[in-house]
Amino acid sequence: MTTSDAELLAALSDLREIEDEIARLQAERLAVRVRLSEIVALRYGNRVAVPGYGTLQIRAPSVSSRWDSGALSELVRSLREQGQTELADEIEGCKKRVESEGGLAIMPEKKS
């Protein structure tokens, strides 16, 4: 591709401007959330109801776990090889299918 497609270059320029603005707004959002967290924690004991906005609460950190789909697929395969098809079918029946739409992917150049 040559860089002579003015419409493509203009659209990419527009996108870059929008993404830069989003990054600026996200940083600003984070700063405001930090300030809000400090106010809620220090003045209100980690929880406050604000009419018109709702309840603000500082939640404790948490850890969640997800199953490794590759390991589970290997387990199902192994169970089938061992003749334990009922158990393999039961485990495989717990699998959920998640679909996502395809779309344009833009991989920015790495800055050197």
PDB file of N, CA and C in Angstrom:
ATOM      1  N   MET A   1       0.840  -1.186   0.000  1.00  0.00           N
ATOM      2  CA  MET A   1       0.000   0.000   0.000  1.00  0.00           C
ATOM      3  C   MET A   1       0.874   1.233   0.000  1.00  0.00           C
ATOM      4  N   THR A   2       0.441   2.194  -0.738  1.00  0.00           N
ATOM      5  CA  THR A   2       1.143   3.476  -0.723  1.00  0.00           C
ATOM      6  C   THR A   2       0.425   4.392   0.253  1.00  0.00           C
ATOM      7  N   THR A   3       1.082   5.437   0.667  1.00  0.00           N
ATOM      8  CA  THR A   3       0.466   6.370   1.617  1.00  0.00           C
ATOM      9  C   THR A   3      -0.263   7.491   0.889  1.00  0.00           C
ATOM     10  N   SER A   4      -0.741   7.206  -0.326  1.00  0.00           N
ATOM     11  CA  SER A   4      -1.415   8.230  -1.106  1.00  0.00           C
ATOM     12  C   SER A   4      -2.934   8.207  -0.943  1.00  0.00           C
ATOM     13  N   ASP A   5      -3.478   7.291  -0.155  1.00  0.00           N
ATOM     14  CA  ASP A   5      -4.916   7.220   0.052  1.00  0.00           C
ATOM     15  C   ASP A   5      -5.304   8.246   1.117  1.00  0.00           C
ATOM     16  N   ALA A   6      -5.665   9.425   0.662  1.00  0.00           N
ATOM     17  CA  ALA A   6      -5.935  10.546   1.568  1.00  0.00           C
ATOM     18  C   ALA A   6      -7.093  10.255   2.510  1.00  0.00           C
ATOM     19  N   GLU A   7      -8.132   9.590   2.036  1.00  0.00           N
ATOM     20  CA  GLU A   7      -9.293   9.288   2.879  1.00  0.00           C
ATOM     21  C   GLU A   7      -8.905   8.349   4.018  1.00  0.00           C
ATOM     22  N   LEU A   8      -8.105   7.326   3.699  1.00  0.00           N
ATOM     23  CA  LEU A   8      -7.638   6.384   4.716  1.00  0.00           C
ATOM     24  C   LEU A   8      -6.773   7.096   5.753  1.00  0.00           C
ATOM     25  N   LEU A   9      -5.838   7.914   5.282  1.00  0.00           N
ATOM     26  CA  LEU A   9      -4.954   8.631   6.199  1.00  0.00           C
ATOM     27  C   LEU A   9      -5.719   9.619   7.067  1.00  0.00           C
ATOM     28  N   ALA A  10      -6.717  10.282   6.497  1.00  0.00           N
ATOM     29  CA  ALA A  10      -7.532  11.227   7.276  1.00  0.00           C
ATOM     30  C   ALA A  10      -8.317  10.493   8.349  1.00  0.00           C
ATOM     31  N   ALA A  11      -8.891   9.341   7.999  1.00  0.00           N
ATOM     32  CA  ALA A  11      -9.659   8.570   8.977  1.00  0.00           C
ATOM     33  C   ALA A  11      -8.745   8.060  10.095  1.00  0.00           C
ATOM     34  N   LEU A  12      -7.536   7.618   9.751  1.00  0.00           N
ATOM     35  CA  LEU A  12      -6.582   7.175  10.770  1.00  0.00           C
ATOM     36  C   LEU A  12      -6.171   8.333  11.681  1.00  0.00           C
ATOM     37  N   SER A  13      -6.004   9.497  11.106  1.00  0.00           N
ATOM     38  CA  SER A  13      -5.669  10.685  11.896  1.00  0.00           C
ATOM     39  C   SER A  13      -6.804  11.035  12.858  1.00  0.00           C
ATOM     40  N   ASP A  14      -8.041  10.968  12.359  1.00  0.00           N
ATOM     41  CA  ASP A  14      -9.210  11.222  13.211  1.00  0.00           C
ATOM     42  C   ASP A  14      -9.252  10.218  14.359  1.00  0.00           C
ATOM     43  N   LEU A  15      -9.025   8.953  14.038  1.00  0.00           N
ATOM     44  CA  LEU A  15      -9.051   7.913  15.055  1.00  0.00           C
ATOM     45  C   LEU A  15      -7.977   8.152  16.114  1.00  0.00           C
ATOM     46  N   ARG A  16      -6.780   8.518  15.685  1.00  0.00           N
ATOM     47  CA  ARG A  16      -5.693   8.777  16.630  1.00  0.00           C
ATOM     48  C   ARG A  16      -6.077   9.929  17.571  1.00  0.00           C
ATOM     49  N   GLU A  17      -6.672  10.979  17.027  1.00  0.00           N
ATOM     50  CA  GLU A  17      -7.095  12.111  17.865  1.00  0.00           C
ATOM     51  C   GLU A  17      -8.126  11.668  18.905  1.00  0.00           C
ATOM     52  N   ILE A  18      -9.073  10.870  18.477  1.00  0.00           N
ATOM     53  CA  ILE A  18     -10.113  10.378  19.390  1.00  0.00           C
ATOM     54  C   ILE A  18      -9.490   9.491  20.468  1.00  0.00           C
ATOM     55  N   GLU A  19      -8.603   8.583  20.064  1.00  0.00           N
ATOM     56  CA  GLU A  19      -7.967   7.692  21.041  1.00  0.00           C
ATOM     57  C   GLU A  19      -7.097   8.463  22.026  1.00  0.00           C
ATOM     58  N   ASP A  20      -6.421   9.511  21.565  1.00  0.00           N
ATOM     59  CA  ASP A  20      -5.637  10.355  22.474  1.00  0.00           C
ATOM     60  C   ASP A  20      -6.550  11.048  23.482  1.00  0.00           C
ATOM     61  N   GLU A  21      -7.690  11.522  23.018  1.00  0.00           N
ATOM     62  CA  GLU A  21      -8.651  12.177  23.921  1.00  0.00           C
ATOM     63  C   GLU A  21      -9.221  11.181  24.923  1.00  0.00           C
ATOM     64  N   ILE A  22      -9.515   9.976  24.463  1.00  0.00           N
ATOM     65  CA  ILE A  22     -10.013   8.935  25.366  1.00  0.00           C
ATOM     66  C   ILE A  22      -8.970   8.629  26.432  1.00  0.00           C
ATOM     67  N   ALA A  23      -7.702   8.513  26.041  1.00  0.00           N
ATOM     68  CA  ALA A  23      -6.630   8.237  27.013  1.00  0.00           C
ATOM     69  C   ALA A  23      -6.548   9.367  28.036  1.00  0.00           C
ATOM     70  N   ARG A  24      -6.663  10.611  27.581  1.00  0.00           N
ATOM     71  CA  ARG A  24      -6.633  11.751  28.491  1.00  0.00           C
ATOM     72  C   ARG A  24      -7.808  11.691  29.452  1.00  0.00           C
ATOM     73  N   LEU A  25      -8.985  11.400  28.933  1.00  0.00           N
ATOM     74  CA  LEU A  25     -10.175  11.310  29.778  1.00  0.00           C
ATOM     75  C   LEU A  25     -10.084  10.134  30.756  1.00  0.00           C
ATOM     76  N   GLN A  26      -9.520   9.024  30.329  1.00  0.00           N
ATOM     77  CA  GLN A  26      -9.366   7.882  31.230  1.00  0.00           C
ATOM     78  C   GLN A  26      -8.420   8.218  32.377  1.00  0.00           C
ATOM     79  N   ALA A  27      -7.355   8.948  32.093  1.00  0.00           N
ATOM     80  CA  ALA A  27      -6.425   9.359  33.147  1.00  0.00           C
ATOM     81  C   ALA A  27      -7.118  10.315  34.109  1.00  0.00           C
ATOM     82  N   GLU A  28      -7.900  11.221  33.564  1.00  0.00           N
ATOM     83  CA  GLU A  28      -8.652  12.161  34.395  1.00  0.00           C
ATOM     84  C   GLU A  28      -9.684  11.406  35.247  1.00  0.00           C
ATOM     85  N   ARG A  29     -10.346  10.444  34.649  1.00  0.00           N
ATOM     86  CA  ARG A  29     -11.329   9.620  35.363  1.00  0.00           C
ATOM     87  C   ARG A  29     -10.669   8.887  36.527  1.00  0.00           C
ATOM     88  N   LEU A  30      -9.502   8.308  36.275  1.00  0.00           N
ATOM     89  CA  LEU A  30      -8.786   7.590  37.319  1.00  0.00           C
ATOM     90  C   LEU A  30      -8.439   8.522  38.479  1.00  0.00           C
ATOM     91  N   ALA A  31      -7.975   9.732  38.173  1.00  0.00           N
ATOM     92  CA  ALA A  31      -7.621  10.694  39.221  1.00  0.00           C
ATOM     93  C   ALA A  31      -8.844  11.057  40.062  1.00  0.00           C
ATOM     94  N   VAL A  32      -9.985  11.247  39.420  1.00  0.00           N
ATOM     95  CA  VAL A  32     -11.210  11.582  40.155  1.00  0.00           C
ATOM     96  C   VAL A  32     -11.652  10.398  41.014  1.00  0.00           C
ATOM     97  N   ARG A  33     -11.543   9.190  40.489  1.00  0.00           N
ATOM     98  CA  ARG A  33     -11.921   8.001  41.273  1.00  0.00           C
ATOM     99  C   ARG A  33     -11.009   7.829  42.486  1.00  0.00           C
ATOM    100  N   VAL A  34      -9.729   8.127  42.333  1.00  0.00           N
ATOM    101  CA  VAL A  34      -8.802   8.056  43.470  1.00  0.00           C
ATOM    102  C   VAL A  34      -9.217   9.073  44.531  1.00  0.00           C
ATOM    103  N   ARG A  35      -9.528  10.286  44.082  1.00  0.00           N
ATOM    104  CA  ARG A  35      -9.973  11.331  45.018  1.00  0.00           C
ATOM    105  C   ARG A  35     -11.255  10.924  45.729  1.00  0.00           C
ATOM    106  N   LEU A  36     -12.216  10.380  44.978  1.00  0.00           N
ATOM    107  CA  LEU A  36     -13.465   9.906  45.575  1.00  0.00           C
ATOM    108  C   LEU A  36     -13.204   8.790  46.585  1.00  0.00           C
ATOM    109  N   SER A  37     -12.313   7.858  46.233  1.00  0.00           N
ATOM    110  CA  SER A  37     -11.992   6.756  47.142  1.00  0.00           C
ATOM    111  C   SER A  37     -11.431   7.286  48.454  1.00  0.00           C
ATOM    112  N   GLU A  38     -10.544   8.262  48.371  1.00  0.00           N
ATOM    113  CA  GLU A  38      -9.961   8.844  49.574  1.00  0.00           C
ATOM    114  C   GLU A  38     -11.027   9.517  50.434  1.00  0.00           C
ATOM    115  N   ILE A  39     -11.920  10.246  49.807  1.00  0.00           N
ATOM    116  CA  ILE A  39     -12.985  10.934  50.549  1.00  0.00           C
ATOM    117  C   ILE A  39     -13.888   9.911  51.234  1.00  0.00           C
ATOM    118  N   VAL A  40     -14.320   8.896  50.480  1.00  0.00           N
ATOM    119  CA  VAL A  40     -15.222   7.880  51.034  1.00  0.00           C
ATOM    120  C   VAL A  40     -14.534   7.128  52.169  1.00  0.00           C
ATOM    121  N   ALA A  41     -13.277   6.763  51.986  1.00  0.00           N
ATOM    122  CA  ALA A  41     -12.563   6.001  53.019  1.00  0.00           C
ATOM    123  C   ALA A  41     -12.321   6.841  54.272  1.00  0.00           C
ATOM    124  N   LEU A  42     -11.855   8.049  54.095  1.00  0.00           N
ATOM    125  CA  LEU A  42     -11.444   8.868  55.242  1.00  0.00           C
ATOM    126  C   LEU A  42     -12.608   9.544  55.956  1.00  0.00           C
ATOM    127  N   ARG A  43     -13.596   9.989  55.220  1.00  0.00           N
ATOM    128  CA  ARG A  43     -14.690  10.748  55.842  1.00  0.00           C
ATOM    129  C   ARG A  43     -15.906   9.906  56.181  1.00  0.00           C
ATOM    130  N   TYR A  44     -16.098   8.801  55.477  1.00  0.00           N
ATOM    131  CA  TYR A  44     -17.360   8.066  55.621  1.00  0.00           C
ATOM    132  C   TYR A  44     -17.185   6.600  55.990  1.00  0.00           C
ATOM    133  N   GLY A  45     -16.009   6.211  56.402  1.00  0.00           N
ATOM    134  CA  GLY A  45     -15.820   4.824  56.839  1.00  0.00           C
ATOM    135  C   GLY A  45     -16.047   3.800  55.745  1.00  0.00           C
ATOM    136  N   ASN A  46     -15.645   4.112  54.538  1.00  0.00           N
ATOM    137  CA  ASN A  46     -15.679   3.198  53.384  1.00  0.00           C
ATOM    138  C   ASN A  46     -17.047   3.034  52.724  1.00  0.00           C
ATOM    139  N   ARG A  47     -18.062   3.769  53.177  1.00  0.00           N
ATOM    140  CA  ARG A  47     -19.384   3.625  52.550  1.00  0.00           C
ATOM    141  C   ARG A  47     -20.198   4.887  52.789  1.00  0.00           C
ATOM    142  N   VAL A  48     -20.819   5.389  51.705  1.00  0.00           N
ATOM    143  CA  VAL A  48     -21.692   6.550  51.840  1.00  0.00           C
ATOM    144  C   VAL A  48     -22.768   6.486  50.754  1.00  0.00           C
ATOM    145  N   ALA A  49     -23.996   6.830  51.136  1.00  0.00           N
ATOM    146  CA  ALA A  49     -25.099   6.937  50.179  1.00  0.00           C
ATOM    147  C   ALA A  49     -25.222   8.399  49.793  1.00  0.00           C
ATOM    148  N   VAL A  50     -25.215   8.667  48.513  1.00  0.00           N
ATOM    149  CA  VAL A  50     -25.297  10.031  48.005  1.00  0.00           C
ATOM    150  C   VAL A  50     -26.574  10.150  47.189  1.00  0.00           C
ATOM    151  N   PRO A  51     -27.561  10.917  47.695  1.00  0.00           N
ATOM    152  CA  PRO A  51     -28.818  11.065  46.953  1.00  0.00           C
ATOM    153  C   PRO A  51     -28.561  11.557  45.523  1.00  0.00           C
ATOM    154  N   GLY A  52     -29.199  10.923  44.597  1.00  0.00           N
ATOM    155  CA  GLY A  52     -29.045  11.300  43.194  1.00  0.00           C
ATOM    156  C   GLY A  52     -27.896  10.584  42.492  1.00  0.00           C
ATOM    157  N   TYR A  53     -27.001   9.968  43.255  1.00  0.00           N
ATOM    158  CA  TYR A  53     -25.863   9.253  42.665  1.00  0.00           C
ATOM    159  C   TYR A  53     -25.842   7.781  43.025  1.00  0.00           C
ATOM    160  N   GLY A  54     -26.242   7.467  44.243  1.00  0.00           N
ATOM    161  CA  GLY A  54     -26.209   6.083  44.677  1.00  0.00           C
ATOM    162  C   GLY A  54     -25.255   5.889  45.833  1.00  0.00           C
ATOM    163  N   THR A  55     -24.841   4.670  46.045  1.00  0.00           N
ATOM    164  CA  THR A  55     -23.964   4.333  47.163  1.00  0.00           C
ATOM    165  C   THR A  55     -22.547   4.137  46.656  1.00  0.00           C
ATOM    166  N   LEU A  56     -21.630   4.771  47.357  1.00  0.00           N
ATOM    167  CA  LEU A  56     -20.213   4.587  47.063  1.00  0.00           C
ATOM    168  C   LEU A  56     -19.635   3.739  48.177  1.00  0.00           C
ATOM    169  N   GLN A  57     -18.917   2.692  47.823  1.00  0.00           N
ATOM    170  CA  GLN A  57     -18.386   1.786  48.823  1.00  0.00           C
ATOM    171  C   GLN A  57     -16.996   1.322  48.396  1.00  0.00           C
ATOM    172  N   ILE A  58     -16.087   1.297  49.345  1.00  0.00           N
ATOM    173  CA  ILE A  58     -14.758   0.764  49.082  1.00  0.00           C
ATOM    174  C   ILE A  58     -14.832  -0.737  49.328  1.00  0.00           C
ATOM    175  N   ARG A  59     -14.591  -1.510  48.316  1.00  0.00           N
ATOM    176  CA  ARG A  59     -14.644  -2.968  48.429  1.00  0.00           C
ATOM    177  C   ARG A  59     -13.244  -3.508  48.674  1.00  0.00           C
ATOM    178  N   ALA A  60     -13.200  -4.572  49.413  1.00  0.00           N
ATOM    179  CA  ALA A  60     -11.925  -5.243  49.672  1.00  0.00           C
ATOM    180  C   ALA A  60     -11.446  -5.902  48.384  1.00  0.00           C
ATOM    181  N   PRO A  61     -10.141  -6.002  48.213  1.00  0.00           N
ATOM    182  CA  PRO A  61      -9.633  -6.702  47.031  1.00  0.00           C
ATOM    183  C   PRO A  61     -10.086  -8.156  47.036  1.00  0.00           C
ATOM    184  N   SER A  62     -10.216  -8.721  45.859  1.00  0.00           N
ATOM    185  CA  SER A  62     -10.629 -10.118  45.772  1.00  0.00           C
ATOM    186  C   SER A  62      -9.870 -10.809  44.652  1.00  0.00           C
ATOM    187  N   VAL A  63      -9.899 -12.098  44.713  1.00  0.00           N
ATOM    188  CA  VAL A  63      -9.255 -12.917  43.688  1.00  0.00           C
ATOM    189  C   VAL A  63     -10.293 -13.901  43.187  1.00  0.00           C
ATOM    190  N   SER A  64     -10.382 -14.040  41.880  1.00  0.00           N
ATOM    191  CA  SER A  64     -11.301 -15.021  41.322  1.00  0.00           C
ATOM    192  C   SER A  64     -10.491 -16.022  40.505  1.00  0.00           C
ATOM    193  N   SER A  65     -11.077 -17.164  40.278  1.00  0.00           N
ATOM    194  CA  SER A  65     -10.395 -18.211  39.527  1.00  0.00           C
ATOM    195  C   SER A  65     -11.199 -18.565  38.287  1.00  0.00           C
ATOM    196  N   ARG A  66     -10.488 -18.937  37.237  1.00  0.00           N
ATOM    197  CA  ARG A  66     -11.114 -19.432  36.014  1.00  0.00           C
ATOM    198  C   ARG A  66     -10.491 -20.770  35.680  1.00  0.00           C
ATOM    199  N   TRP A  67     -11.264 -21.607  35.079  1.00  0.00           N
ATOM    200  CA  TRP A  67     -10.735 -22.899  34.663  1.00  0.00           C
ATOM    201  C   TRP A  67      -9.902 -22.723  33.405  1.00  0.00           C
ATOM    202  N   ASP A  68      -8.839 -23.471  33.309  1.00  0.00           N
ATOM    203  CA  ASP A  68      -7.974 -23.481  32.135  1.00  0.00           C
ATOM    204  C   ASP A  68      -8.641 -24.370  31.083  1.00  0.00           C
ATOM    205  N   SER A  69      -9.160 -23.755  30.017  1.00  0.00           N
ATOM    206  CA  SER A  69      -9.914 -24.529  29.024  1.00  0.00           C
ATOM    207  C   SER A  69      -9.043 -25.571  28.331  1.00  0.00           C
ATOM    208  N   GLY A  70      -7.779 -25.262  28.109  1.00  0.00           N
ATOM    209  CA  GLY A  70      -6.887 -26.238  27.481  1.00  0.00           C
ATOM    210  C   GLY A  70      -6.679 -27.459  28.360  1.00  0.00           C
ATOM    211  N   ALA A  71      -6.491 -27.208  29.663  1.00  0.00           N
ATOM    212  CA  ALA A  71      -6.301 -28.319  30.600  1.00  0.00           C
ATOM    213  C   ALA A  71      -7.566 -29.161  30.699  1.00  0.00           C
ATOM    214  N   LEU A  72      -8.722 -28.514  30.704  1.00  0.00           N
ATOM    215  CA  LEU A  72      -9.978 -29.262  30.763  1.00  0.00           C
ATOM    216  C   LEU A  72     -10.186 -30.090  29.496  1.00  0.00           C
ATOM    217  N   SER A  73      -9.853 -29.527  28.348  1.00  0.00           N
ATOM    218  CA  SER A  73      -9.970 -30.285  27.095  1.00  0.00           C
ATOM    219  C   SER A  73      -9.057 -31.500  27.127  1.00  0.00           C
ATOM    220  N   GLU A  74      -7.857 -31.320  27.669  1.00  0.00           N
ATOM    221  CA  GLU A  74      -6.919 -32.442  27.800  1.00  0.00           C
ATOM    222  C   GLU A  74      -7.470 -33.495  28.754  1.00  0.00           C
ATOM    223  N   LEU A  75      -8.089 -33.048  29.862  1.00  0.00           N
ATOM    224  CA  LEU A  75      -8.694 -33.977  30.817  1.00  0.00           C
ATOM    225  C   LEU A  75      -9.814 -34.778  30.156  1.00  0.00           C
ATOM    226  N   VAL A  76     -10.671 -34.106  29.392  1.00  0.00           N
ATOM    227  CA  VAL A  76     -11.770 -34.785  28.697  1.00  0.00           C
ATOM    228  C   VAL A  76     -11.218 -35.808  27.719  1.00  0.00           C
ATOM    229  N   ARG A  77     -10.172 -35.419  26.972  1.00  0.00           N
ATOM    230  CA  ARG A  77      -9.555 -36.357  26.022  1.00  0.00           C
ATOM    231  C   ARG A  77      -9.002 -37.574  26.759  1.00  0.00           C
ATOM    232  N   SER A  78      -8.316 -37.319  27.856  1.00  0.00           N
ATOM    233  CA  SER A  78      -7.722 -38.401  28.641  1.00  0.00           C
ATOM    234  C   SER A  78      -8.802 -39.328  29.209  1.00  0.00           C
ATOM    235  N   LEU A  79      -9.874 -38.759  29.719  1.00  0.00           N
ATOM    236  CA  LEU A  79     -10.968 -39.576  30.260  1.00  0.00           C
ATOM    237  C   LEU A  79     -11.589 -40.447  29.172  1.00  0.00           C
ATOM    238  N   ARG A  80     -11.743 -39.891  27.975  1.00  0.00           N
ATOM    239  CA  ARG A  80     -12.302 -40.678  26.865  1.00  0.00           C
ATOM    240  C   ARG A  80     -11.375 -41.847  26.520  1.00  0.00           C
ATOM    241  N   GLU A  81     -10.067 -41.574  26.504  1.00  0.00           N
ATOM    242  CA  GLU A  81      -9.100 -42.636  26.199  1.00  0.00           C
ATOM    243  C   GLU A  81      -9.150 -43.751  27.242  1.00  0.00           C
ATOM    244  N   GLN A  82      -9.483 -43.384  28.479  1.00  0.00           N
ATOM    245  CA  GLN A  82      -9.559 -44.365  29.565  1.00  0.00           C
ATOM    246  C   GLN A  82     -10.925 -45.040  29.637  1.00  0.00           C
ATOM    247  N   GLY A  83     -11.810 -44.681  28.696  1.00  0.00           N
ATOM    248  CA  GLY A  83     -13.122 -45.301  28.670  1.00  0.00           C
ATOM    249  C   GLY A  83     -14.130 -44.666  29.621  1.00  0.00           C
ATOM    250  N   GLN A  84     -13.810 -43.549  30.188  1.00  0.00           N
ATOM    251  CA  GLN A  84     -14.730 -42.873  31.115  1.00  0.00           C
ATOM    252  C   GLN A  84     -15.522 -41.805  30.359  1.00  0.00           C
ATOM    253  N   THR A  85     -16.254 -42.263  29.336  1.00  0.00           N
ATOM    254  CA  THR A  85     -16.946 -41.323  28.454  1.00  0.00           C
ATOM    255  C   THR A  85     -18.069 -40.567  29.151  1.00  0.00           C
ATOM    256  N   GLU A  86     -18.756 -41.206  30.094  1.00  0.00           N
ATOM    257  CA  GLU A  86     -19.855 -40.514  30.785  1.00  0.00           C
ATOM    258  C   GLU A  86     -19.326 -39.305  31.562  1.00  0.00           C
ATOM    259  N   LEU A  87     -18.231 -39.507  32.285  1.00  0.00           N
ATOM    260  CA  LEU A  87     -17.640 -38.411  33.041  1.00  0.00           C
ATOM    261  C   LEU A  87     -17.115 -37.338  32.090  1.00  0.00           C
ATOM    262  N   ALA A  88     -16.483 -37.764  31.000  1.00  0.00           N
ATOM    263  CA  ALA A  88     -15.971 -36.814  30.000  1.00  0.00           C
ATOM    264  C   ALA A  88     -17.117 -35.995  29.414  1.00  0.00           C
ATOM    265  N   ASP A  89     -18.239 -36.653  29.097  1.00  0.00           N
ATOM    266  CA  ASP A  89     -19.403 -35.956  28.550  1.00  0.00           C
ATOM    267  C   ASP A  89     -19.959 -34.949  29.552  1.00  0.00           C
ATOM    268  N   GLU A  90     -19.983 -35.343  30.832  1.00  0.00           N
ATOM    269  CA  GLU A  90     -20.499 -34.459  31.873  1.00  0.00           C
ATOM    270  C   GLU A  90     -19.639 -33.190  31.992  1.00  0.00           C
ATOM    271  N   ILE A  91     -18.339 -33.388  31.986  1.00  0.00           N
ATOM    272  CA  ILE A  91     -17.435 -32.241  32.075  1.00  0.00           C
ATOM    273  C   ILE A  91     -17.575 -31.369  30.839  1.00  0.00           C
ATOM    274  N   GLU A  92     -17.607 -31.988  29.669  1.00  0.00           N
ATOM    275  CA  GLU A  92     -17.716 -31.241  28.424  1.00  0.00           C
ATOM    276  C   GLU A  92     -19.043 -30.491  28.332  1.00  0.00           C
ATOM    277  N   GLY A  93     -20.080 -31.034  28.966  1.00  0.00           N
ATOM    278  CA  GLY A  93     -21.390 -30.376  28.969  1.00  0.00           C
ATOM    279  C   GLY A  93     -21.394 -29.064  29.741  1.00  0.00           C
ATOM    280  N   CYS A  94     -20.382 -28.828  30.557  1.00  0.00           N
ATOM    281  CA  CYS A  94     -20.285 -27.574  31.327  1.00  0.00           C
ATOM    282  C   CYS A  94     -19.661 -26.448  30.505  1.00  0.00           C
ATOM    283  N   LYS A  95     -19.169 -26.765  29.332  1.00  0.00           N
ATOM    284  CA  LYS A  95     -18.518 -25.761  28.487  1.00  0.00           C
ATOM    285  C   LYS A  95     -19.561 -24.807  27.915  1.00  0.00           C
ATOM    286  N   LYS A  96     -19.264 -23.519  27.977  1.00  0.00           N
ATOM    287  CA  LYS A  96     -20.145 -22.518  27.378  1.00  0.00           C
ATOM    288  C   LYS A  96     -19.479 -21.950  26.140  1.00  0.00           C
ATOM    289  N   ARG A  97     -20.274 -21.683  25.158  1.00  0.00           N
ATOM    290  CA  ARG A  97     -19.765 -21.105  23.920  1.00  0.00           C
ATOM    291  C   ARG A  97     -19.974 -19.600  23.965  1.00  0.00           C
ATOM    292  N   VAL A  98     -18.920 -18.873  23.702  1.00  0.00           N
ATOM    293  CA  VAL A  98     -18.988 -17.417  23.684  1.00  0.00           C
ATOM    294  C   VAL A  98     -18.594 -16.951  22.292  1.00  0.00           C
ATOM    295  N   GLU A  99     -19.450 -16.159  21.684  1.00  0.00           N
ATOM    296  CA  GLU A  99     -19.164 -15.656  20.345  1.00  0.00           C
ATOM    297  C   GLU A  99     -18.864 -14.169  20.411  1.00  0.00           C
ATOM    298  N   SER A 100     -17.975 -13.729  19.559  1.00  0.00           N
ATOM    299  CA  SER A 100     -17.713 -12.304  19.447  1.00  0.00           C
ATOM    300  C   SER A 100     -17.660 -11.938  17.976  1.00  0.00           C
ATOM    301  N   GLU A 101     -18.118 -10.747  17.704  1.00  0.00           N
ATOM    302  CA  GLU A 101     -18.130 -10.299  16.322  1.00  0.00           C
ATOM    303  C   GLU A 101     -16.716 -10.015  15.844  1.00  0.00           C
ATOM    304  N   GLY A 102     -16.479 -10.266  14.604  1.00  0.00           N
ATOM    305  CA  GLY A 102     -15.210  -9.877  14.004  1.00  0.00           C
ATOM    306  C   GLY A 102     -15.233  -8.385  13.728  1.00  0.00           C
ATOM    307  N   GLY A 103     -14.130  -7.820  13.471  1.00  0.00           N
ATOM    308  CA  GLY A 103     -14.084  -6.396  13.175  1.00  0.00           C
ATOM    309  C   GLY A 103     -12.675  -5.979  12.831  1.00  0.00           C
ATOM    310  N   LEU A 104     -12.515  -4.732  12.598  1.00  0.00           N
ATOM    311  CA  LEU A 104     -11.230  -4.167  12.226  1.00  0.00           C
ATOM    312  C   LEU A 104     -10.282  -4.216  13.411  1.00  0.00           C
ATOM    313  N   ALA A 105      -9.115  -4.747  13.226  1.00  0.00           N
ATOM    314  CA  ALA A 105      -8.071  -4.729  14.243  1.00  0.00           C
ATOM    315  C   ALA A 105      -6.984  -3.795  13.778  1.00  0.00           C
ATOM    316  N   ILE A 106      -6.548  -2.928  14.653  1.00  0.00           N
ATOM    317  CA  ILE A 106      -5.465  -2.007  14.336  1.00  0.00           C
ATOM    318  C   ILE A 106      -4.335  -2.261  15.312  1.00  0.00           C
ATOM    319  N   MET A 107      -3.213  -2.671  14.812  1.00  0.00           N
ATOM    320  CA  MET A 107      -2.061  -2.937  15.655  1.00  0.00           C
ATOM    321  C   MET A 107      -1.084  -1.773  15.486  1.00  0.00           C
ATOM    322  N   PRO A 108      -0.991  -0.915  16.486  1.00  0.00           N
ATOM    323  CA  PRO A 108      -0.110   0.254  16.339  1.00  0.00           C
ATOM    324  C   PRO A 108       1.348  -0.163  16.200  1.00  0.00           C
ATOM    325  N   GLU A 109       2.082   0.662  15.491  1.00  0.00           N
ATOM    326  CA  GLU A 109       3.515   0.405  15.364  1.00  0.00           C
ATOM    327  C   GLU A 109       4.165   0.530  16.722  1.00  0.00           C
ATOM    328  N   LYS A 110       5.175  -0.305  16.944  1.00  0.00           N
ATOM    329  CA  LYS A 110       5.898  -0.232  18.192  1.00  0.00           C
ATOM    330  C   LYS A 110       6.862   0.940  18.112  1.00  0.00           C
ATOM    331  N   LYS A 111       6.838   1.757  19.141  1.00  0.00           N
ATOM    332  CA  LYS A 111       7.731   2.907  19.158  1.00  0.00           C
ATOM    333  C   LYS A 111       9.126   2.452  19.554  1.00  0.00           C
ATOM    334  N   SER A 112      10.105   2.894  18.788  1.00  0.00           N
ATOM    335  CA  SER A 112      11.473   2.467  19.092  1.00  0.00           C
ATOM    336  C   SER A 112      12.226   3.474  19.916  1.00  0.00           C
TER     337      SER A 112
END
